[in-house]
C-alpha atoms as a PDB file:
ATOM      1  CA  MET A   1      38.471 -81.226 117.631  1.00  0.00           C
ATOM      2  CA  SER A   2      40.078 -82.828 114.576  1.00  0.00           C
ATOM      3  CA  SER A   3      40.379 -86.605 114.333  1.00  0.00           C
ATOM      4  CA  ALA A   4      44.177 -86.333 114.646  1.00  0.00           C
ATOM      5  CA  ASP A   5      43.783 -84.335 117.864  1.00  0.00           C
ATOM      6  CA  GLU A   6      41.252 -86.841 119.179  1.00  0.00           C
ATOM      7  CA  ILE A   7      43.656 -89.716 118.421  1.00  0.00           C
ATOM      8  CA  ALA A   8      46.450 -87.887 120.250  1.00  0.00           C
ATOM      9  CA  ARG A   9      44.148 -87.236 123.225  1.00  0.00           C
ATOM     10  CA  VAL A  10      43.111 -90.897 123.501  1.00  0.00           C
ATOM     11  CA  GLU A  11      46.722 -92.075 123.135  1.00  0.00           C
ATOM     12  CA  LYS A  12      47.774 -89.752 125.962  1.00  0.00           C
ATOM     13  CA  GLU A  13      44.951 -90.921 128.207  1.00  0.00           C
ATOM     14  CA  ILE A  14      46.003 -94.552 127.664  1.00  0.00           C
ATOM     15  CA  ARG A  15      49.607 -93.692 128.510  1.00  0.00           C
ATOM     16  CA  ASP A  16      48.638 -91.697 131.593  1.00  0.00           C
ATOM     17  CA  THR A  17      46.209 -94.245 133.031  1.00  0.00           C
ATOM     18  CA  PRO A  18      47.902 -96.744 135.371  1.00  0.00           C
ATOM     19  CA  TYR A  19      47.025-100.302 134.378  1.00  0.00           C
ATOM     20  CA  ASN A  20      45.418-102.405 137.091  1.00  0.00           C
ATOM     21  CA  LYS A  21      42.336-104.517 137.586  1.00  0.00           C
ATOM     22  CA  ALA A  22      40.189-101.460 138.344  1.00  0.00           C
ATOM     23  CA  THR A  23      41.244 -99.585 135.174  1.00  0.00           C
ATOM     24  CA  GLN A  24      41.675-102.401 132.657  1.00  0.00           C
ATOM     25  CA  HIS A  25      38.112-102.117 131.337  1.00  0.00           C
ATOM     26  CA  HIS A  26      38.436 -98.360 130.887  1.00  0.00           C
ATOM     27  CA  ILE A  27      41.740 -98.832 129.049  1.00  0.00           C
ATOM     28  CA  GLY A  28      40.163-101.542 126.911  1.00  0.00           C
ATOM     29  CA  ARG A  29      37.402 -99.153 125.841  1.00  0.00           C
ATOM     30  CA  LEU A  30      39.978 -96.459 125.067  1.00  0.00           C
ATOM     31  CA  LYS A  31      41.957 -98.917 122.908  1.00  0.00           C
ATOM     32  CA  ALA A  32      38.795 -99.849 121.026  1.00  0.00           C
ATOM     33  CA  LYS A  33      38.005 -96.179 120.434  1.00  0.00           C
ATOM     34  CA  LEU A  34      41.574 -95.558 119.302  1.00  0.00           C
ATOM     35  CA  ALA A  35      41.396 -98.453 116.826  1.00  0.00           C
ATOM     36  CA  ARG A  36      38.150 -97.064 115.371  1.00  0.00           C
ATOM     37  CA  LEU A  37      39.540 -93.510 115.120  1.00  0.00           C
ATOM     38  CA  ARG A  38      42.702 -94.703 113.388  1.00  0.00           C
ATOM     39  CA  GLU A  39      40.668 -96.725 110.904  1.00  0.00           C
ATOM     40  CA  GLU A  40      38.505 -93.685 110.116  1.00  0.00           C
ATOM     41  CA  GLU A  41      41.642 -91.528 109.756  1.00  0.00           C
ATOM     42  CA  GLU A  42      43.221 -94.016 107.317  1.00  0.00           C
ATOM     43  CA  LYS A  43      40.057 -94.014 105.207  1.00  0.00           C
ATOM     44  CA  LYS A  44      40.125 -90.209 105.060  1.00  0.00           C
ATOM     45  CA  LYS A  45      43.761 -90.201 103.998  1.00  0.00           C
ATOM     46  CA  GLY A  46      42.982 -92.724 101.288  1.00  0.00           C
ATOM     47  CA  LYS A  47      40.439 -90.477  99.597  1.00  0.00           C
ATOM     48  CA  GLY A  48      41.932 -88.452  96.778  1.00  0.00           C
ATOM     49  CA  LYS A  49      45.347 -89.915  97.473  1.00  0.00           C
ATOM     50  CA  LYS A  50      47.679 -90.698  94.606  1.00  0.00           C
ATOM     51  CA  LYS A  51      47.784 -94.365  93.663  1.00  0.00           C
ATOM     52  CA  GLU A  52      50.465 -96.414  95.368  1.00  0.00           C
ATOM     53  CA  ARG A  53      53.004 -98.451  93.429  1.00  0.00           C
ATOM     54  CA  GLY A  54      51.368-100.936  91.076  1.00  0.00           C
ATOM     55  CA  LEU A  55      53.049-104.031  92.508  1.00  0.00           C
ATOM     56  CA  ARG A  56      51.179-107.294  92.372  1.00  0.00           C
ATOM     57  CA  LYS A  57      51.730-110.748  93.756  1.00  0.00           C
ATOM     58  CA  GLU A  58      53.228-113.427  91.535  1.00  0.00           C
ATOM     59  CA  GLY A  59      54.607-116.929  92.007  1.00  0.00           C
ATOM     60  CA  ASP A  60      53.831-119.441  94.741  1.00  0.00           C
ATOM     61  CA  GLY A  61      54.318-116.993  97.604  1.00  0.00           C
ATOM     62  CA  THR A  62      55.420-113.450  98.415  1.00  0.00           C
ATOM     63  CA  VAL A  63      58.241-112.664 100.841  1.00  0.00           C
ATOM     64  CA  VAL A  64      59.132-109.168 102.066  1.00  0.00           C
ATOM     65  CA  ILE A  65      62.681-108.526 103.333  1.00  0.00           C
ATOM     66  CA  ILE A  66      63.325-105.675 105.785  1.00  0.00           C
ATOM     67  CA  PRO A  67      65.342-103.618 106.348  1.00  0.00           C
ATOM     68  CA  GLY A  68      67.200-103.301 103.037  1.00  0.00           C
ATOM     69  CA  PRO A  69      69.414-103.129 101.201  1.00  0.00           C
ATOM     70  CA  THR A  70      70.922-106.532 102.046  1.00  0.00           C
ATOM     71  CA  SER A  71      73.295-108.909 100.279  1.00  0.00           C
ATOM     72  CA  PHE A  72      70.835-111.527 101.559  1.00  0.00           C
ATOM     73  CA  PHE A  73      68.432-110.463  98.799  1.00  0.00           C
ATOM     74  CA  ASP A  74      71.158-110.863  96.150  1.00  0.00           C
ATOM     75  CA  PHE A  75      71.805-114.427  97.313  1.00  0.00           C
ATOM     76  CA  LEU A  76      68.164-115.512  97.195  1.00  0.00           C
ATOM     77  CA  VAL A  77      66.995-114.142  93.843  1.00  0.00           C
ATOM     78  CA  ASN A  78      67.614-115.235  90.281  1.00  0.00           C
ATOM     79  CA  GLY A  79      67.837-111.837  88.604  1.00  0.00           C
ATOM     80  CA  SER A  80      66.531-108.647  90.118  1.00  0.00           C
ATOM     81  CA  ARG A  81      65.382-105.158  89.252  1.00  0.00           C
ATOM     82  CA  ASP A  82      67.423-102.443  90.919  1.00  0.00           C
ATOM     83  CA  ASP A  83      65.105 -99.800  92.265  1.00  0.00           C
ATOM     84  CA  GLU A  84      64.189 -98.205  95.569  1.00  0.00           C
ATOM     85  CA  ILE A  85      62.101-101.326  96.118  1.00  0.00           C
ATOM     86  CA  ARG A  86      64.012-104.350  94.825  1.00  0.00           C
ATOM     87  CA  VAL A  87      61.950-107.141  93.290  1.00  0.00           C
ATOM     88  CA  GLY A  88      63.167-110.610  92.394  1.00  0.00           C
ATOM     89  CA  MET A  89      62.178-114.264  92.126  1.00  0.00           C
ATOM     90  CA  MET A  90      63.663-117.079  94.203  1.00  0.00           C
ATOM     91  CA  GLU A  91      63.467-120.522  92.623  1.00  0.00           C
ATOM     92  CA  HIS A  92      63.951-123.484  94.928  1.00  0.00           C
ATOM     93  CA  ASN A  93      62.765-127.110  94.763  1.00  0.00           C
ATOM     94  CA  GLY A  94      60.184-126.346  92.104  1.00  0.00           C
ATOM     95  CA  ALA A  95      58.815-123.279  93.913  1.00  0.00           C
ATOM     96  CA  LYS A  96      58.892-119.733  92.590  1.00  0.00           C
ATOM     97  CA  VAL A  97      58.792-117.239  95.426  1.00  0.00           C
ATOM     98  CA  GLU A  98      58.517-113.505  94.787  1.00  0.00           C
ATOM     99  CA  LEU A  99      60.750-111.277  96.915  1.00  0.00           C
ATOM    100  CA  PHE A 100      60.356-107.592  97.754  1.00  0.00           C
ATOM    101  CA  GLU A 101      63.147-105.858  99.622  1.00  0.00           C
ATOM    102  CA  LEU A 102      62.112-102.631 101.336  1.00  0.00           C
ATOM    103  CA  PRO A 103      64.870-100.068 101.994  1.00  0.00           C
ATOM    104  CA  GLU A 104      65.189 -98.295 105.312  1.00  0.00           C
ATOM    105  CA  ASN A 105      64.397 -94.913 103.771  1.00  0.00           C
ATOM    106  CA  LEU A 106      60.922 -96.206 102.854  1.00  0.00           C
ATOM    107  CA  PHE A 107      60.092 -97.060 106.464  1.00  0.00           C
ATOM    108  CA  GLY A 108      57.038 -95.156 107.713  1.00  0.00           C
ATOM    109  CA  LYS A 109      55.700 -94.374 104.219  1.00  0.00           C
ATOM    110  CA  SER A 110      52.473 -95.778 102.831  1.00  0.00           C
ATOM    111  CA  ASP A 111      54.241 -97.934 100.215  1.00  0.00           C
ATOM    112  CA  PHE A 112      56.126 -99.715 102.979  1.00  0.00           C
ATOM    113  CA  PHE A 113      52.979-100.839 104.773  1.00  0.00           C
ATOM    114  CA  SER A 114      50.944-101.612 101.636  1.00  0.00           C
ATOM    115  CA  ILE A 115      53.685-104.004 100.465  1.00  0.00           C
ATOM    116  CA  ALA A 116      54.098-105.490 103.957  1.00  0.00           C
ATOM    117  CA  ARG A 117      50.373-106.322 103.904  1.00  0.00           C
ATOM    118  CA  MET A 118      50.906-108.257 100.655  1.00  0.00           C
ATOM    119  CA  ALA A 119      53.449-110.541 102.300  1.00  0.00           C
ATOM    120  CA  ASP A 120      52.924-114.233 102.929  1.00  0.00           C
ATOM    121  CA  LEU A 121      56.135-114.084 104.976  1.00  0.00           C
ATOM    122  CA  ILE A 122      58.344-111.300 106.350  1.00  0.00           C
ATOM    123  CA  LEU A 123      62.096-111.778 106.725  1.00  0.00           C
ATOM    124  CA  MET A 124      63.680-109.420 109.250  1.00  0.00           C
ATOM    125  CA  VAL A 125      67.405-109.430 108.683  1.00  0.00           C
ATOM    126  CA  PHE A 126      70.035-108.850 111.364  1.00  0.00           C
ATOM    127  CA  ASP A 127      73.325-107.846 109.772  1.00  0.00           C
ATOM    128  CA  GLY A 128      76.458-107.900 111.910  1.00  0.00           C
ATOM    129  CA  GLU A 129      77.891-104.947 109.997  1.00  0.00           C
ATOM    130  CA  ARG A 130      75.004-102.656 110.929  1.00  0.00           C
ATOM    131  CA  ILE A 131      74.829-100.888 114.274  1.00  0.00           C
ATOM    132  CA  ASN A 132      71.769-101.191 116.534  1.00  0.00           C
ATOM    133  CA  ASP A 133      70.058-103.690 114.250  1.00  0.00           C
ATOM    134  CA  GLU A 134      68.142-105.268 117.137  1.00  0.00           C
ATOM    135  CA  SER A 135      66.597-101.980 118.295  1.00  0.00           C
ATOM    136  CA  ARG A 136      65.751-101.168 114.681  1.00  0.00           C
ATOM    137  CA  ILE A 137      63.865-104.450 114.294  1.00  0.00           C
ATOM    138  CA  GLU A 138      61.924-103.703 117.495  1.00  0.00           C
ATOM    139  CA  GLU A 139      60.990-100.301 116.079  1.00  0.00           C
ATOM    140  CA  TYR A 140      59.772-101.959 112.871  1.00  0.00           C
ATOM    141  CA  LEU A 141      57.654-104.424 114.849  1.00  0.00           C
ATOM    142  CA  ARG A 142      56.055-101.629 116.892  1.00  0.00           C
ATOM    143  CA  GLU A 143      55.181 -99.635 113.789  1.00  0.00           C
ATOM    144  CA  LEU A 144      53.867-102.674 111.924  1.00  0.00           C
ATOM    145  CA  TYR A 145      51.649-103.425 114.924  1.00  0.00           C
ATOM    146  CA  ARG A 146      50.393 -99.828 115.041  1.00  0.00           C
ATOM    147  CA  LYS A 147      49.457-100.106 111.361  1.00  0.00           C
ATOM    148  CA  GLY A 148      47.427-103.260 111.962  1.00  0.00           C
ATOM    149  CA  ILE A 149      50.020-105.802 110.768  1.00  0.00           C
ATOM    150  CA  ARG A 150      50.338-108.640 113.272  1.00  0.00           C
ATOM    151  CA  VAL A 151      53.636-110.479 112.963  1.00  0.00           C
ATOM    152  CA  ASN A 152      53.760-114.151 114.046  1.00  0.00           C
ATOM    153  CA  ARG A 153      50.260-114.038 115.526  1.00  0.00           C
ATOM    154  CA  ASP A 154      47.156-116.019 114.646  1.00  0.00           C
ATOM    155  CA  SER A 155      43.928-114.202 113.898  1.00  0.00           C
ATOM    156  CA  PRO A 156      41.370-114.253 116.755  1.00  0.00           C
ATOM    157  CA  ASN A 157      39.091-117.270 116.577  1.00  0.00           C
ATOM    158  CA  MET A 158      35.774-115.454 116.430  1.00  0.00           C
ATOM    159  CA  ARG A 159      32.980-114.592 114.014  1.00  0.00           C
ATOM    160  CA  VAL A 160      31.067-111.343 113.539  1.00  0.00           C
ATOM    161  CA  LYS A 161      27.836-111.201 111.554  1.00  0.00           C
ATOM    162  CA  LYS A 162      26.397-107.725 111.005  1.00  0.00           C
ATOM    163  CA  LYS A 163      22.611-107.291 111.218  1.00  0.00           C
ATOM    164  CA  GLY A 164      20.194-104.582 110.253  1.00  0.00           C
ATOM    165  CA  SER A 165      18.623-104.401 113.698  1.00  0.00           C
ATOM    166  CA  GLY A 166      18.347-106.240 116.999  1.00  0.00           C
ATOM    167  CA  GLY A 167      21.353-104.830 118.805  1.00  0.00           C
ATOM    168  CA  LEU A 168      24.400-106.794 119.867  1.00  0.00           C
ATOM    169  CA  ARG A 169      24.350-110.457 120.809  1.00  0.00           C
ATOM    170  CA  VAL A 170      27.484-112.083 122.225  1.00  0.00           C
ATOM    171  CA  ILE A 171      27.852-115.872 122.361  1.00  0.00           C
ATOM    172  CA  SER A 172      30.968-117.643 123.643  1.00  0.00           C
ATOM    173  CA  THR A 173      31.682-121.352 123.261  1.00  0.00           C
ATOM    174  CA  VAL A 174      34.450-121.185 125.909  1.00  0.00           C
ATOM    175  CA  PRO A 175      34.767-119.440 129.306  1.00  0.00           C
ATOM    176  CA  GLN A 176      35.896-115.805 129.008  1.00  0.00           C
ATOM    177  CA  GLU A 177      37.946-113.780 131.456  1.00  0.00           C
ATOM    178  CA  LEU A 178      36.162-110.659 130.215  1.00  0.00           C
ATOM    179  CA  LYS A 179      32.597-110.171 131.350  1.00  0.00           C
ATOM    180  CA  LYS A 180      29.826-110.168 128.766  1.00  0.00           C
ATOM    181  CA  GLU A 181      29.110-106.493 129.522  1.00  0.00           C
ATOM    182  CA  GLU A 182      32.775-105.628 128.952  1.00  0.00           C
ATOM    183  CA  ILE A 183      32.795-107.409 125.588  1.00  0.00           C
ATOM    184  CA  GLU A 184      29.608-105.604 124.561  1.00  0.00           C
ATOM    185  CA  ASP A 185      31.065-102.211 125.565  1.00  0.00           C
ATOM    186  CA  ILE A 186      34.111-102.843 123.342  1.00  0.00           C
ATOM    187  CA  ALA A 187      31.943-104.099 120.474  1.00  0.00           C
ATOM    188  CA  LYS A 188      29.801-100.937 120.544  1.00  0.00           C
ATOM    189  CA  GLU A 189      32.770 -98.950 119.224  1.00  0.00           C
ATOM    190  CA  PHE A 190      32.494-100.941 115.978  1.00  0.00           C
ATOM    191  CA  TYR A 191      28.923-102.239 115.635  1.00  0.00           C
ATOM    192  CA  SER A 192      25.399-101.320 116.628  1.00  0.00           C
ATOM    193  CA  ASN A 193      23.760-104.538 115.463  1.00  0.00           C
ATOM    194  CA  ALA A 194      25.695-107.796 115.182  1.00  0.00           C
ATOM    195  CA  ASP A 195      25.957-111.387 116.337  1.00  0.00           C
ATOM    196  CA  ILE A 196      29.407-112.045 117.816  1.00  0.00           C
ATOM    197  CA  VAL A 197      30.532-115.626 118.432  1.00  0.00           C
ATOM    198  CA  LEU A 198      33.773-116.244 120.361  1.00  0.00           C
ATOM    199  CA  TYR A 199      35.601-119.554 120.020  1.00  0.00           C
ATOM    200  CA  GLU A 200      38.591-118.732 122.262  1.00  0.00           C
ATOM    201  CA  SER A 201      39.225-116.761 125.435  1.00  0.00           C
ATOM    202  CA  LEU A 202      40.201-113.271 124.268  1.00  0.00           C
ATOM    203  CA  SER A 203      42.103-110.406 125.839  1.00  0.00           C
ATOM    204  CA  TYR A 204      40.997-106.830 125.177  1.00  0.00           C
ATOM    205  CA  ASP A 205      43.620-106.433 122.437  1.00  0.00           C
ATOM    206  CA  ARG A 206      42.689-109.676 120.676  1.00  0.00           C
ATOM    207  CA  LEU A 207      38.992-108.845 120.921  1.00  0.00           C
ATOM    208  CA  ILE A 208      39.591-105.398 119.385  1.00  0.00           C
ATOM    209  CA  ASP A 209      41.631-106.947 116.546  1.00  0.00           C
ATOM    210  CA  GLY A 210      38.829-109.379 115.761  1.00  0.00           C
ATOM    211  CA  LEU A 211      36.132-106.713 115.881  1.00  0.00           C
ATOM    212  CA  ALA A 212      38.115-104.281 113.722  1.00  0.00           C
ATOM    213  CA  GLY A 213      38.333-106.970 111.046  1.00  0.00           C
ATOM    214  CA  ASN A 214      41.080-105.190 109.101  1.00  0.00           C
ATOM    215  CA  ARG A 215      44.198-106.691 110.631  1.00  0.00           C
ATOM    216  CA  THR A 216      46.790-108.552 108.570  1.00  0.00           C
ATOM    217  CA  TYR A 217      48.463-111.615 110.059  1.00  0.00           C
ATOM    218  CA  VAL A 218      51.894-112.459 108.653  1.00  0.00           C
ATOM    219  CA  PRO A 219      54.421-115.096 109.751  1.00  0.00           C
ATOM    220  CA  SER A 220      58.018-113.965 110.080  1.00  0.00           C
ATOM    221  CA  ILE A 221      61.551-115.306 110.302  1.00  0.00           C
ATOM    222  CA  LEU A 222      64.275-113.345 112.072  1.00  0.00           C
ATOM    223  CA  VAL A 223      67.546-114.202 110.370  1.00  0.00           C
ATOM    224  CA  ARG A 224      71.124-113.294 111.131  1.00  0.00           C
ATOM    225  CA  ARG A 225      73.954-113.434 108.661  1.00  0.00           C
ATOM    226  CA  GLY A 226      76.002-116.465 109.673  1.00  0.00           C
ATOM    227  CA  GLY A 227      79.720-117.064 109.837  1.00  0.00           C
ATOM    228  CA  ASP A 228      82.489-114.636 108.996  1.00  0.00           C
ATOM    229  CA  GLY A 229      82.213-112.513 105.895  1.00  0.00           C
ATOM    230  CA  GLU A 230      80.128-112.547 102.744  1.00  0.00           C
ATOM    231  CA  ASN A 231      81.001-116.109 101.702  1.00  0.00           C
ATOM    232  CA  SER A 232      78.903-117.660 104.465  1.00  0.00           C
ATOM    233  CA  LEU A 233      75.887-115.868 102.999  1.00  0.00           C
ATOM    234  CA  SER A 234      75.798-118.240 100.043  1.00  0.00           C
ATOM    235  CA  GLN A 235      74.628-121.193 102.113  1.00  0.00           C
ATOM    236  CA  ILE A 236      73.278-120.804 105.611  1.00  0.00           C
ATOM    237  CA  PHE A 237      71.577-118.461 108.055  1.00  0.00           C
ATOM    238  CA  LYS A 238      70.588-118.955 111.665  1.00  0.00           C
ATOM    239  CA  GLY A 239      66.985-118.244 112.585  1.00  0.00           C
ATOM    240  CA  GLU A 240      65.519-117.029 115.856  1.00  0.00           C
ATOM    241  CA  GLY A 241      62.825-119.206 117.373  1.00  0.00           C
ATOM    242  CA  ILE A 242      64.220-122.422 115.905  1.00  0.00           C
ATOM    243  CA  SER A 243      64.697-125.137 118.529  1.00  0.00           C
ATOM    244  CA  SER A 244      68.033-126.339 117.190  1.00  0.00           C
ATOM    245  CA  ASP A 245      71.190-124.264 117.489  1.00  0.00           C
ATOM    246  CA  GLU A 246      72.440-125.812 114.268  1.00  0.00           C
ATOM    247  CA  PRO A 247      72.504-123.614 111.143  1.00  0.00           C
ATOM    248  CA  ILE A 248      69.626-124.098 108.735  1.00  0.00           C
ATOM    249  CA  ASN A 249      69.238-123.570 105.011  1.00  0.00           C
ATOM    250  CA  ILE A 250      67.144-120.419 104.778  1.00  0.00           C
ATOM    251  CA  LYS A 251      65.677-121.313 101.374  1.00  0.00           C
ATOM    252  CA  ASP A 252      64.288-124.530 102.852  1.00  0.00           C
ATOM    253  CA  LYS A 253      62.957-122.577 105.842  1.00  0.00           C
ATOM    254  CA  ILE A 254      61.197-120.065 103.572  1.00  0.00           C
ATOM    255  CA  ILE A 255      59.472-122.887 101.689  1.00  0.00           C
ATOM    256  CA  GLU A 256      58.455-124.505 104.983  1.00  0.00           C
ATOM    257  CA  LYS A 257      57.065-121.272 106.490  1.00  0.00           C
ATOM    258  CA  LEU A 258      55.100-120.571 103.316  1.00  0.00           C
ATOM    259  CA  GLY A 259      53.440-123.964 103.709  1.00  0.00           C
ATOM    260  CA  LEU A 260      54.649-125.211 100.330  1.00  0.00           C
ATOM    261  CA  ILE A 261      55.278-128.834  99.397  1.00  0.00           C
ATOM    262  CA  ARG A 262      56.824-130.264  96.241  1.00  0.00           C
ATOM    263  CA  VAL A 263      54.956-132.591  93.915  1.00  0.00           C
ATOM    264  CA  PHE A 264      55.865-133.783  90.432  1.00  0.00           C
ATOM    265  CA  LEU A 265      53.700-133.442  87.349  1.00  0.00           C
ATOM    266  CA  LYS A 266      54.091-136.057  84.612  1.00  0.00           C
ATOM    267  CA  ASP A 267      53.051-134.812  81.165  1.00  0.00           C
ATOM    268  CA  ALA A 268      51.781-136.741  78.142  1.00  0.00           C
ATOM    269  CA  CYS A 269      55.371-137.354  76.945  1.00  0.00           C
ATOM    270  CA  GLY A 270      56.381-138.878  80.265  1.00  0.00           C
ATOM    271  CA  ASP A 271      58.520-135.912  81.320  1.00  0.00           C
ATOM    272  CA  ILE A 272      58.380-135.156  85.039  1.00  0.00           C
ATOM    273  CA  ASN A 273      58.559-131.576  86.339  1.00  0.00           C
ATOM    274  CA  PRO A 274      58.509-130.343  89.934  1.00  0.00           C
ATOM    275  CA  MET A 275      55.678-128.074  91.090  1.00  0.00           C
ATOM    276  CA  ALA A 276      55.104-126.310  94.391  1.00  0.00           C
ATOM    277  CA  VAL A 277      51.634-126.422  95.952  1.00  0.00           C
ATOM    278  CA  LYS A 278      50.238-125.289  99.287  1.00  0.00           C
ATOM    279  CA  THR A 279      49.879-127.818 102.087  1.00  0.00           C
ATOM    280  CA  GLY A 280      46.280-129.043 101.877  1.00  0.00           C
ATOM    281  CA  ASP A 281      45.940-128.408  98.131  1.00  0.00           C
ATOM    282  CA  ARG A 282      44.136-131.059  96.117  1.00  0.00           C
ATOM    283  CA  VAL A 283      44.309-132.321  92.559  1.00  0.00           C
ATOM    284  CA  LYS A 284      41.661-129.768  91.560  1.00  0.00           C
ATOM    285  CA  ASP A 285      44.012-126.953  92.643  1.00  0.00           C
ATOM    286  CA  VAL A 286      46.770-128.298  90.382  1.00  0.00           C
ATOM    287  CA  CYS A 287      44.305-128.454  87.470  1.00  0.00           C
ATOM    288  CA  VAL A 288      43.394-124.787  87.945  1.00  0.00           C
ATOM    289  CA  LYS A 289      47.069-123.855  88.287  1.00  0.00           C
ATOM    290  CA  ILE A 290      47.919-125.494  84.954  1.00  0.00           C
ATOM    291  CA  HIS A 291      44.906-124.231  82.995  1.00  0.00           C
ATOM    292  CA  THR A 292      41.176-123.854  83.618  1.00  0.00           C
ATOM    293  CA  ASP A 293      40.470-126.363  80.820  1.00  0.00           C
ATOM    294  CA  PHE A 294      42.165-129.075  82.878  1.00  0.00           C
ATOM    295  CA  ARG A 295      39.551-128.614  85.596  1.00  0.00           C
ATOM    296  CA  LYS A 296      36.653-128.552  83.117  1.00  0.00           C
ATOM    297  CA  GLY A 297      37.829-131.614  81.184  1.00  0.00           C
ATOM    298  CA  PHE A 298      39.165-133.639  84.114  1.00  0.00           C
ATOM    299  CA  LYS A 299      38.621-137.411  83.989  1.00  0.00           C
ATOM    300  CA  TYR A 300      41.005-138.721  86.629  1.00  0.00           C
ATOM    301  CA  ALA A 301      44.618-138.469  87.815  1.00  0.00           C
ATOM    302  CA  ILE A 302      47.199-141.239  88.071  1.00  0.00           C
ATOM    303  CA  LEU A 303      49.190-141.184  91.308  1.00  0.00           C
ATOM    304  CA  ASP A 304      52.680-142.605  91.743  1.00  0.00           C
ATOM    305  CA  GLY A 305      55.454-141.944  94.221  1.00  0.00           C
ATOM    306  CA  PRO A 306      55.946-142.748  97.930  1.00  0.00           C
ATOM    307  CA  ASN A 307      52.332-142.044  98.932  1.00  0.00           C
ATOM    308  CA  ALA A 308      50.590-144.190  96.295  1.00  0.00           C
ATOM    309  CA  LYS A 309      48.943-147.385  97.540  1.00  0.00           C
ATOM    310  CA  TYR A 310      50.096-149.055  94.326  1.00  0.00           C
ATOM    311  CA  SER A 311      51.707-147.942  91.078  1.00  0.00           C
ATOM    312  CA  GLY A 312      49.242-146.195  88.796  1.00  0.00           C
ATOM    313  CA  GLN A 313      46.622-145.547  91.506  1.00  0.00           C
ATOM    314  CA  ARG A 314      43.694-143.519  90.196  1.00  0.00           C
ATOM    315  CA  VAL A 315      42.580-140.520  92.253  1.00  0.00           C
ATOM    316  CA  GLY A 316      39.987-137.800  91.810  1.00  0.00           C
ATOM    317  CA  LEU A 317      39.867-134.030  92.160  1.00  0.00           C
ATOM    318  CA  SER A 318      39.476-134.216  95.933  1.00  0.00           C
ATOM    319  CA  TYR A 319      42.728-136.134  96.561  1.00  0.00           C
ATOM    320  CA  GLU A 320      44.908-134.131  98.992  1.00  0.00           C
ATOM    321  CA  LEU A 321      48.450-133.871  97.670  1.00  0.00           C
ATOM    322  CA  LYS A 322      51.468-134.899  99.748  1.00  0.00           C
ATOM    323  CA  GLU A 323      55.183-134.220  99.516  1.00  0.00           C
ATOM    324  CA  GLY A 324      56.752-136.271  96.702  1.00  0.00           C
ATOM    325  CA  ASP A 325      53.531-137.218  94.885  1.00  0.00           C
ATOM    326  CA  VAL A 326      53.882-137.855  91.156  1.00  0.00           C
ATOM    327  CA  ILE A 327      50.639-137.192  89.289  1.00  0.00           C
ATOM    328  CA  SER A 328      49.527-137.432  85.690  1.00  0.00           C
ATOM    329  CA  ILE A 329      46.238-135.717  84.842  1.00  0.00           C
ATOM    330  CA  LYS A 330      43.960-137.286  82.244  1.00  0.00           C
ATOM    331  CA  THR A 331      41.400-135.047  80.540  1.00  0.00           C
ATOM    332  CA  ARG A 332      38.775-135.225  77.859  1.00  0.00           C
ATOM    333  CA  VAL A 333      38.432-132.694  75.081  1.00  0.00           C
ATOM    334  CA  VAL A 334      36.244-129.719  76.118  1.00  0.00           C
END
């Protein structure tokens, strides 16, 4: 039996098996086997396959817009390249965010999923002028999930360490609904010898995702074109999952979801320029971003702005940057 036939057989058995407490372990094992078979099938397809588009990540973050084409893309970017896949750069509050817009006719092809895996954020756009947009988005989500792309989900809090021998050892720091034997049965589809440490209570699906180790976890915003007509596009969109019913500025929301904050870099001439950094970044990360020599020759940084204890406060490489910080980096010649 070919691997494709085996995948189809396992999929059918999962569909045909009624889910209840007596069958959930059997279904869990089938799902684990299906995940392994699909991974092996993808590896086979990858061998000897023509190289996919040579797109690479640039800027402070990468956002993928689906389904295209949308006038939303035209609003966000400063300049764009017209192609089947549209690429542009959004500049906002010192951040440069790369945008890829994937057209509907690319859906289901390998390029679509390879670019989706690159994303730091996925924008799914509802357009009032398109029919059945909601069902289309649901179809996209199902297919992304099937391809191992988890939208708006955190990765399972667990650790797997492969070993050369010794079999499987499962350790959990929290109570599990699944029995140890059930976890081991699922793990055997992926590993013969490994230490598996679980830090959260996991369902079968979450356990399989963590064991497979090849899932991609991407945040997403569902946006709907607001107001009447194209003119409203220039300012505001409404987002699903936002507590307020008030319209929001989508550029601000993109920056927030990417985890970017704005700091200001003061150069030797006293000029101040905005720079986007990731939440949690430190002075050392800014040094590397400017030039590797700044990290090698670093002496200290001068901190001003709302978070400084006093004007001209000296900080080191480990200082964690905050929104609105103004820093001047002092270096020695290297």
